[in-house]
Amino acid sequence: MSKCNVYTRTGDHGETSLVGGKRVPKACLRIESYGSIDELNSQLGLLLTYLNEPADCECLIEIQHRLFSLGTILATDPESNQPCKCQITEEDIQELEHCIDQANEGMPGWRGFTLPGGCRAAAVAHVCRTVCRRAERKIYALDAEEPVDKNVKAYINRLSDYLYVLACRLNFLGGTDEILWCKR
């Protein structure tokens, strides 16, 4: 196995390259967007270590694969001669909706807003949900400057819904009561 050199020194002055070669500031919205997706994917990797149900693990691993594709889409210069070979499809969104429906099966009805927390796995799922929401905000900020694919936006929106339902499911399966928000 050959050694992979992970440092290039080309980013030492605050710029990085998009797929296609264009140099951009590391603080630009495109970098912020796919950086947030990378952070989310890492948090999902942590969440996976707490899961026991095979169906939940399968959904989460598939989501991680889709997030790599989504990050690649965001990391690609839209003006490049090298079009992005990755895509988020309607089928990907439908598959995620199936995961939401599957996680909802056998769950009690919605009783109101809950405080993030509960068992350890659910608490991590809530952290993932909030990281996902932040990534979504970054993507929409980018979309205000240059168009972002509608399926990317729909997928990330649906993903935060899934993570909320998963957190509730994990508390339910773990026998942990959720704390309902008390409006004051």
Protein backbone atom coordinates (compact mmCIF):
# COMPACT_ATOMS: atom_id res chain seq x y z
CA MET A 1 0.00 0.00 0.00
CA SER A 2 1.44 3.35 -0.98
CA LYS A 3 1.66 6.21 1.46
CA CYS A 4 -0.82 9.05 0.90
CA ASN A 5 0.54 12.53 1.42
CA VAL A 6 -2.31 14.44 3.05
CA TYR A 7 -0.65 17.84 3.11
CA THR A 8 -0.12 20.01 0.06
CA ARG A 9 0.72 23.36 1.69
CA THR A 10 -1.52 25.05 -0.89
CA GLY A 11 -4.06 26.06 1.76
CA ASP A 12 -1.64 27.72 4.15
CA HIS A 13 -2.73 31.22 3.15
CA GLY A 14 -6.49 30.92 3.58
CA GLU A 15 -7.51 29.56 0.18
CA THR A 16 -8.49 26.12 -1.04
CA SER A 17 -9.43 24.54 -4.35
CA LEU A 18 -12.87 23.53 -5.50
CA VAL A 19 -13.34 20.44 -7.64
CA GLY A 20 -12.39 21.85 -11.03
CA GLY A 21 -9.36 23.75 -9.72
CA LYS A 22 -10.77 27.19 -8.91
CA ARG A 23 -9.15 28.75 -5.82
CA VAL A 24 -11.51 30.30 -3.27
CA PRO A 25 -11.23 31.69 0.28
CA LYS A 26 -11.70 29.04 2.95
CA ALA A 27 -14.38 31.24 4.52
CA CYS A 28 -16.60 31.40 1.40
CA LEU A 29 -20.14 30.03 1.62
CA ARG A 30 -19.42 27.09 -0.68
CA ILE A 31 -16.63 25.89 1.63
CA GLU A 32 -18.78 26.60 4.71
CA SER A 33 -21.60 24.57 3.15
CA TYR A 34 -19.66 21.43 2.34
CA GLY A 35 -17.63 21.78 5.54
CA SER A 36 -20.89 21.66 7.49
CA ILE A 37 -21.89 18.54 5.56
CA ASP A 38 -18.54 16.95 6.45
CA GLU A 39 -19.10 17.83 10.12
CA LEU A 40 -22.59 16.33 9.98
CA ASN A 41 -21.27 13.14 8.40
CA SER A 42 -18.71 12.81 11.20
CA GLN A 43 -21.41 13.32 13.83
CA LEU A 44 -23.49 10.62 12.12
CA GLY A 45 -20.48 8.32 12.38
CA LEU A 46 -20.51 8.93 16.13
CA LEU A 47 -24.26 8.30 16.28
CA LEU A 48 -23.76 4.97 14.50
CA THR A 49 -21.64 3.74 17.41
CA TYR A 50 -24.71 4.00 19.66
CA LEU A 51 -27.21 2.23 17.39
CA ASN A 52 -28.29 -1.38 17.81
CA GLU A 53 -31.15 -1.79 15.34
CA PRO A 54 -29.94 -3.05 11.92
CA ALA A 55 -32.57 -1.02 10.01
CA ASP A 56 -31.43 2.19 11.73
CA CYS A 57 -27.79 1.39 10.96
CA GLU A 58 -28.57 0.65 7.31
CA CYS A 59 -30.44 3.95 6.91
CA LEU A 60 -27.66 5.91 8.56
CA ILE A 61 -24.89 4.33 6.49
CA GLU A 62 -26.84 5.03 3.30
CA ILE A 63 -27.31 8.62 4.45
CA GLN A 64 -23.56 8.92 5.02
CA HIS A 65 -22.94 7.80 1.44
CA ARG A 66 -25.46 10.36 0.16
CA LEU A 67 -23.82 13.09 2.24
CA PHE A 68 -20.47 12.34 0.60
CA SER A 69 -22.18 12.83 -2.76
CA LEU A 70 -23.90 15.98 -1.53
CA GLY A 71 -20.59 17.36 -0.26
CA THR A 72 -18.97 16.62 -3.61
CA ILE A 73 -21.75 18.51 -5.39
CA LEU A 74 -21.19 21.52 -3.14
CA ALA A 75 -17.39 21.26 -3.52
CA THR A 76 -17.60 21.39 -7.31
CA ASP A 77 -17.13 24.71 -9.08
CA PRO A 78 -20.41 25.25 -10.97
CA GLU A 79 -18.48 27.08 -13.71
CA SER A 80 -15.97 24.25 -14.17
CA ASN A 81 -15.51 22.30 -17.39
CA GLN A 82 -15.55 19.19 -15.15
CA PRO A 83 -19.21 18.67 -14.26
CA CYS A 84 -19.93 16.92 -10.99
CA LYS A 85 -20.54 13.20 -11.48
CA CYS A 86 -22.44 12.92 -8.20
CA GLN A 87 -26.08 13.74 -7.77
CA ILE A 88 -28.89 13.62 -5.26
CA THR A 89 -31.94 12.15 -6.96
CA GLU A 90 -35.66 12.08 -6.28
CA GLU A 91 -35.14 8.40 -5.42
CA ASP A 92 -32.61 9.39 -2.73
CA ILE A 93 -35.19 11.72 -1.20
CA GLN A 94 -37.87 9.01 -1.37
CA GLU A 95 -35.49 6.53 0.27
CA LEU A 96 -34.92 9.00 3.09
CA GLU A 97 -38.68 9.48 3.45
CA HIS A 98 -38.97 5.68 3.69
CA CYS A 99 -36.42 5.76 6.53
CA ILE A 100 -38.56 8.40 8.29
CA ASP A 101 -41.69 6.26 7.87
CA GLN A 102 -39.82 3.16 9.05
CA ALA A 103 -38.50 4.98 12.15
CA ASN A 104 -42.02 6.24 12.91
CA GLU A 105 -43.58 2.74 12.83
CA GLY A 106 -44.92 1.69 16.20
CA MET A 107 -44.18 5.06 17.77
CA PRO A 108 -46.75 6.87 19.90
CA GLY A 109 -48.32 9.94 18.33
CA TRP A 110 -46.72 13.35 18.57
CA ARG A 111 -47.38 14.90 21.98
CA GLY A 112 -45.65 18.25 21.54
CA PHE A 113 -42.18 19.73 21.35
CA THR A 114 -39.58 17.83 23.34
CA LEU A 115 -36.36 19.00 24.91
CA PRO A 116 -33.27 17.60 23.18
CA GLY A 117 -31.76 14.77 25.20
CA GLY A 118 -32.93 11.53 26.70
CA CYS A 119 -30.75 8.47 26.33
CA ARG A 120 -27.21 8.96 25.02
CA ALA A 121 -28.03 7.82 21.47
CA ALA A 122 -31.02 10.17 21.25
CA ALA A 123 -28.97 13.07 22.59
CA VAL A 124 -26.36 12.47 19.87
CA ALA A 125 -29.15 12.25 17.26
CA HIS A 126 -30.38 15.66 18.44
CA VAL A 127 -26.87 17.09 18.06
CA CYS A 128 -26.79 15.64 14.53
CA ARG A 129 -30.17 17.25 13.84
CA THR A 130 -28.93 20.70 14.87
CA VAL A 131 -25.73 20.32 12.84
CA CYS A 132 -27.94 19.33 9.90
CA ARG A 133 -30.08 22.44 10.38
CA ARG A 134 -26.95 24.60 10.42
CA ALA A 135 -25.73 22.96 7.22
CA GLU A 136 -29.13 23.64 5.68
CA ARG A 137 -28.86 27.34 6.59
CA LYS A 138 -25.39 27.49 5.00
CA ILE A 139 -26.71 25.83 1.85
CA TYR A 140 -29.58 28.30 1.61
CA ALA A 141 -27.17 31.21 2.12
CA LEU A 142 -25.10 29.81 -0.76
CA ASP A 143 -28.28 29.39 -2.81
CA ALA A 144 -28.98 33.12 -2.39
CA GLU A 145 -25.66 33.81 -4.15
CA GLU A 146 -25.63 31.02 -6.72
CA PRO A 147 -28.21 28.32 -7.42
CA VAL A 148 -27.99 25.06 -5.48
CA ASP A 149 -29.69 21.95 -6.86
CA LYS A 150 -33.26 21.59 -5.56
CA ASN A 151 -32.69 17.94 -4.61
CA VAL A 152 -29.72 18.91 -2.43
CA LYS A 153 -31.94 21.37 -0.55
CA ALA A 154 -34.83 18.90 -0.25
CA TYR A 155 -32.55 16.09 0.94
CA ILE A 156 -30.92 18.12 3.70
CA ASN A 157 -34.33 19.40 4.83
CA ARG A 158 -35.72 15.87 5.00
CA LEU A 159 -32.62 14.64 6.81
CA SER A 160 -33.22 16.89 9.81
CA ASP A 161 -36.77 15.51 9.98
CA TYR A 162 -35.36 11.98 9.97
CA LEU A 163 -32.90 12.80 12.75
CA TYR A 164 -35.69 14.21 14.91
CA VAL A 165 -37.82 11.10 14.42
CA LEU A 166 -34.79 8.88 15.03
CA ALA A 167 -34.05 10.66 18.33
CA CYS A 168 -37.64 10.10 19.46
CA ARG A 169 -37.42 6.45 18.35
CA LEU A 170 -34.18 5.88 20.24
CA ASN A 171 -35.70 7.25 23.43
CA PHE A 172 -38.79 5.10 22.90
CA LEU A 173 -36.77 1.93 22.26
CA GLY A 174 -34.53 2.68 25.23
CA GLY A 175 -37.49 3.22 27.54
CA THR A 176 -36.44 6.81 28.20
CA ASP A 177 -39.22 9.30 28.71
CA GLU A 178 -38.90 12.46 26.69
CA ILE A 179 -39.31 15.77 28.47
CA LEU A 180 -42.01 17.88 26.89
CA TRP A 181 -41.35 21.58 26.51
CA CYS A 182 -43.33 23.67 28.99
CA LYS A 183 -44.26 27.02 27.50
CA ARG A 184 -43.83 29.81 30.04
